[in-house]
N, C-alpha and C. Protein backbone atom coordinates (compact mmCIF):
# COMPACT_ATOMS: atom_id res chain seq x y z
N LEU A 1 -4.14 5.14 -3.45
CA LEU A 1 -4.33 3.77 -3.04
C LEU A 1 -3.15 3.39 -2.15
N LEU A 2 -3.49 2.87 -0.97
CA LEU A 2 -2.46 2.40 0.01
C LEU A 2 -2.53 0.88 0.01
N LEU A 3 -1.42 0.24 -0.28
CA LEU A 3 -1.32 -1.21 -0.27
C LEU A 3 -0.62 -1.67 1.01
N LEU A 4 -1.27 -2.54 1.76
CA LEU A 4 -0.70 -3.03 3.05
C LEU A 4 -0.71 -4.53 3.07
N ASP A 5 0.44 -5.14 3.38
CA ASP A 5 0.53 -6.59 3.49
C ASP A 5 0.87 -6.95 4.96
N GLU A 6 -0.10 -7.50 5.63
CA GLU A 6 0.03 -7.95 7.02
C GLU A 6 0.56 -6.84 7.96
N PRO A 7 -0.09 -5.67 7.92
CA PRO A 7 0.43 -4.58 8.77
C PRO A 7 0.29 -4.82 10.27
N ALA A 8 -0.55 -5.78 10.66
CA ALA A 8 -0.73 -6.03 12.10
C ALA A 8 0.20 -7.14 12.63
N ALA A 9 0.95 -7.74 11.72
CA ALA A 9 1.83 -8.87 12.16
C ALA A 9 2.80 -8.36 13.21
N GLY A 10 2.86 -9.07 14.33
CA GLY A 10 3.79 -8.72 15.37
C GLY A 10 3.38 -7.60 16.31
N LEU A 11 2.24 -6.98 16.06
CA LEU A 11 1.77 -5.83 16.87
C LEU A 11 1.04 -6.32 18.09
N ARG A 12 1.23 -5.65 19.21
CA ARG A 12 0.46 -5.88 20.39
C ARG A 12 -0.91 -5.29 20.25
N HIS A 13 -1.81 -5.63 21.17
CA HIS A 13 -3.22 -5.14 21.07
C HIS A 13 -3.30 -3.65 20.99
N LYS A 14 -2.59 -2.94 21.86
CA LYS A 14 -2.66 -1.49 21.87
C LYS A 14 -2.13 -0.91 20.55
N GLU A 15 -1.11 -1.51 20.02
CA GLU A 15 -0.56 -1.08 18.72
C GLU A 15 -1.53 -1.34 17.58
N LYS A 16 -2.24 -2.48 17.65
CA LYS A 16 -3.28 -2.75 16.63
C LYS A 16 -4.38 -1.68 16.70
N GLN A 17 -4.76 -1.29 17.88
CA GLN A 17 -5.80 -0.30 18.04
C GLN A 17 -5.36 1.01 17.45
N GLU A 18 -4.10 1.38 17.57
CA GLU A 18 -3.59 2.60 16.97
C GLU A 18 -3.55 2.50 15.46
N LEU A 19 -3.19 1.29 14.97
CA LEU A 19 -3.22 1.05 13.49
C LEU A 19 -4.64 1.21 12.94
N ILE A 20 -5.61 0.67 13.63
CA ILE A 20 -7.03 0.80 13.24
C ILE A 20 -7.41 2.30 13.18
N LYS A 21 -7.00 3.08 14.15
CA LYS A 21 -7.32 4.51 14.17
C LYS A 21 -6.71 5.19 12.96
N VAL A 22 -5.48 4.87 12.62
CA VAL A 22 -4.81 5.46 11.45
C VAL A 22 -5.49 5.07 10.16
N LEU A 23 -5.85 3.81 10.02
CA LEU A 23 -6.55 3.33 8.83
C LEU A 23 -7.88 4.02 8.66
N ARG A 24 -8.66 4.13 9.76
CA ARG A 24 -9.95 4.79 9.72
C ARG A 24 -9.80 6.26 9.31
N GLN A 25 -8.76 6.93 9.84
CA GLN A 25 -8.54 8.33 9.51
C GLN A 25 -8.25 8.49 8.01
N LEU A 26 -7.40 7.59 7.50
CA LEU A 26 -7.08 7.63 6.08
C LEU A 26 -8.37 7.38 5.24
N GLN A 27 -9.19 6.45 5.67
CA GLN A 27 -10.44 6.15 4.95
C GLN A 27 -11.32 7.38 4.95
N SER A 28 -11.40 8.03 6.10
CA SER A 28 -12.32 9.18 6.20
C SER A 28 -11.80 10.37 5.29
N GLU A 29 -10.50 10.34 4.96
CA GLU A 29 -9.95 11.37 4.08
C GLU A 29 -10.06 10.97 2.60
N GLY A 30 -10.70 9.80 2.35
CA GLY A 30 -10.90 9.39 0.98
C GLY A 30 -9.88 8.40 0.42
N MET A 31 -8.99 7.95 1.27
CA MET A 31 -7.93 7.04 0.82
C MET A 31 -8.55 5.62 0.63
N SER A 32 -8.26 4.99 -0.49
CA SER A 32 -8.59 3.59 -0.71
C SER A 32 -7.45 2.73 -0.18
N ILE A 33 -7.81 1.63 0.50
CA ILE A 33 -6.79 0.78 1.12
C ILE A 33 -7.01 -0.64 0.69
N LEU A 34 -5.95 -1.26 0.17
CA LEU A 34 -5.95 -2.70 -0.16
C LEU A 34 -5.18 -3.39 0.93
N LEU A 35 -5.86 -4.15 1.73
CA LEU A 35 -5.27 -4.79 2.95
C LEU A 35 -5.23 -6.30 2.82
N VAL A 36 -4.05 -6.84 2.94
CA VAL A 36 -3.88 -8.29 2.99
C VAL A 36 -3.56 -8.61 4.46
N GLU A 37 -4.49 -9.35 5.10
CA GLU A 37 -4.34 -9.50 6.58
C GLU A 37 -4.98 -10.81 7.03
N HIS A 38 -4.39 -11.48 8.01
CA HIS A 38 -4.98 -12.66 8.58
C HIS A 38 -5.66 -12.38 9.95
N ASP A 39 -5.48 -11.21 10.46
CA ASP A 39 -6.14 -10.85 11.75
C ASP A 39 -7.60 -10.49 11.47
N MET A 40 -8.52 -11.41 11.66
CA MET A 40 -9.88 -11.22 11.28
C MET A 40 -10.62 -10.14 12.09
N ASP A 41 -10.21 -9.95 13.33
CA ASP A 41 -10.81 -8.89 14.16
C ASP A 41 -10.50 -7.56 13.50
N LEU A 42 -9.25 -7.33 13.08
CA LEU A 42 -8.87 -6.09 12.47
C LEU A 42 -9.58 -5.95 11.12
N VAL A 43 -9.60 -6.99 10.34
CA VAL A 43 -10.24 -6.98 9.01
C VAL A 43 -11.72 -6.60 9.13
N MET A 44 -12.45 -7.27 10.05
CA MET A 44 -13.87 -6.99 10.21
C MET A 44 -14.12 -5.62 10.77
N ASP A 45 -13.17 -5.09 11.52
CA ASP A 45 -13.34 -3.75 12.09
C ASP A 45 -13.08 -2.62 11.13
N VAL A 46 -12.16 -2.86 10.15
CA VAL A 46 -11.71 -1.77 9.29
C VAL A 46 -12.32 -1.81 7.89
N CYS A 47 -12.51 -2.98 7.33
CA CYS A 47 -12.89 -3.15 5.95
C CYS A 47 -14.39 -2.99 5.73
N ASP A 48 -14.74 -2.40 4.57
CA ASP A 48 -16.17 -2.40 4.19
C ASP A 48 -16.50 -3.36 3.09
N HIS A 49 -15.47 -3.87 2.45
CA HIS A 49 -15.65 -4.90 1.39
C HIS A 49 -14.47 -5.88 1.50
N LEU A 50 -14.80 -7.15 1.48
CA LEU A 50 -13.79 -8.22 1.66
C LEU A 50 -13.76 -9.13 0.46
N VAL A 51 -12.58 -9.59 0.13
CA VAL A 51 -12.39 -10.65 -0.85
C VAL A 51 -11.72 -11.81 -0.09
N VAL A 52 -12.29 -12.98 -0.16
CA VAL A 52 -11.76 -14.12 0.59
C VAL A 52 -11.16 -15.09 -0.48
N MET A 53 -9.88 -15.45 -0.24
CA MET A 53 -9.19 -16.34 -1.13
C MET A 53 -8.97 -17.67 -0.43
N GLU A 54 -8.99 -18.75 -1.23
CA GLU A 54 -8.62 -20.08 -0.68
C GLU A 54 -7.67 -20.71 -1.70
N PHE A 55 -6.44 -20.96 -1.27
CA PHE A 55 -5.45 -21.54 -2.15
C PHE A 55 -5.29 -20.78 -3.46
N GLY A 56 -5.27 -19.45 -3.38
CA GLY A 56 -5.06 -18.58 -4.53
C GLY A 56 -6.25 -18.41 -5.44
N THR A 57 -7.39 -18.91 -5.02
CA THR A 57 -8.64 -18.82 -5.82
C THR A 57 -9.68 -17.99 -5.08
N LEU A 58 -10.41 -17.19 -5.82
CA LEU A 58 -11.49 -16.42 -5.18
C LEU A 58 -12.52 -17.37 -4.60
N LEU A 59 -12.78 -17.24 -3.34
CA LEU A 59 -13.83 -18.05 -2.69
C LEU A 59 -15.16 -17.29 -2.68
N THR A 60 -15.11 -16.01 -2.19
CA THR A 60 -16.30 -15.17 -2.18
C THR A 60 -15.86 -13.75 -1.89
N GLN A 61 -16.80 -12.84 -1.96
CA GLN A 61 -16.57 -11.46 -1.60
C GLN A 61 -17.85 -10.82 -1.13
N GLY A 62 -17.72 -9.77 -0.32
CA GLY A 62 -18.90 -9.10 0.20
C GLY A 62 -18.59 -8.24 1.39
N THR A 63 -19.61 -7.85 2.09
CA THR A 63 -19.46 -7.04 3.31
C THR A 63 -18.96 -7.93 4.43
N PRO A 64 -18.46 -7.31 5.52
CA PRO A 64 -18.06 -8.18 6.64
C PRO A 64 -19.21 -9.07 7.15
N ALA A 65 -20.40 -8.54 7.19
CA ALA A 65 -21.56 -9.39 7.66
C ALA A 65 -21.83 -10.51 6.71
N GLU A 66 -21.76 -10.27 5.42
CA GLU A 66 -21.94 -11.34 4.43
C GLU A 66 -20.85 -12.39 4.52
N ILE A 67 -19.62 -11.99 4.74
CA ILE A 67 -18.53 -12.95 4.87
C ILE A 67 -18.69 -13.78 6.13
N GLN A 68 -19.08 -13.14 7.20
CA GLN A 68 -19.25 -13.92 8.49
C GLN A 68 -20.36 -14.92 8.37
N ALA A 69 -21.32 -14.64 7.58
CA ALA A 69 -22.50 -15.53 7.44
C ALA A 69 -22.32 -16.58 6.29
N SER A 70 -21.25 -16.46 5.56
CA SER A 70 -21.03 -17.34 4.38
C SER A 70 -20.73 -18.78 4.74
N PRO A 71 -21.57 -19.70 4.28
CA PRO A 71 -21.27 -21.11 4.49
C PRO A 71 -19.99 -21.57 3.82
N ALA A 72 -19.63 -20.93 2.67
CA ALA A 72 -18.37 -21.29 1.97
C ALA A 72 -17.15 -20.93 2.81
N VAL A 73 -17.22 -19.75 3.41
CA VAL A 73 -16.12 -19.32 4.28
C VAL A 73 -16.02 -20.19 5.53
N ARG A 74 -17.11 -20.46 6.10
CA ARG A 74 -17.15 -21.31 7.32
C ARG A 74 -16.56 -22.71 6.96
N ALA A 75 -16.97 -23.28 5.87
CA ALA A 75 -16.47 -24.62 5.50
C ALA A 75 -14.97 -24.55 5.20
N ALA A 76 -14.50 -23.50 4.54
CA ALA A 76 -13.09 -23.44 4.15
C ALA A 76 -12.16 -23.19 5.34
N TYR A 77 -12.65 -22.40 6.29
CA TYR A 77 -11.75 -21.98 7.37
C TYR A 77 -12.07 -22.61 8.74
N LEU A 78 -13.25 -23.10 8.91
CA LEU A 78 -13.60 -23.74 10.18
C LEU A 78 -13.89 -25.24 10.02
N GLY A 79 -14.00 -25.69 8.79
CA GLY A 79 -14.34 -27.08 8.54
C GLY A 79 -15.83 -27.33 8.61
N THR A 80 -16.22 -28.55 8.30
CA THR A 80 -17.64 -28.90 8.38
C THR A 80 -17.79 -30.02 9.38
N GLU A 81 -18.98 -30.14 9.95
CA GLU A 81 -19.30 -31.20 10.89
C GLU A 81 -19.57 -32.46 10.13
N HIS A 82 -19.13 -33.59 10.68
CA HIS A 82 -19.36 -34.89 10.05
C HIS A 82 -20.19 -35.71 10.96
């Protein structure tokens, strides 16, 4: 199990792409990765299961597609129309 906390923080685009390659290689070798990250492009690109937290509480979990379609995630992170 590899634990990573904000590994993309401070990285340029090309460096992030290299990080993604390394993470995918580790996954293909059977490595489990626990990733804490705010870069949603990286998260959606690398992760196959997501857990979304809001103020320290579980909001939802699922695949990247399920998370992107989640009304709860949209409301929490994008706000709601009034």
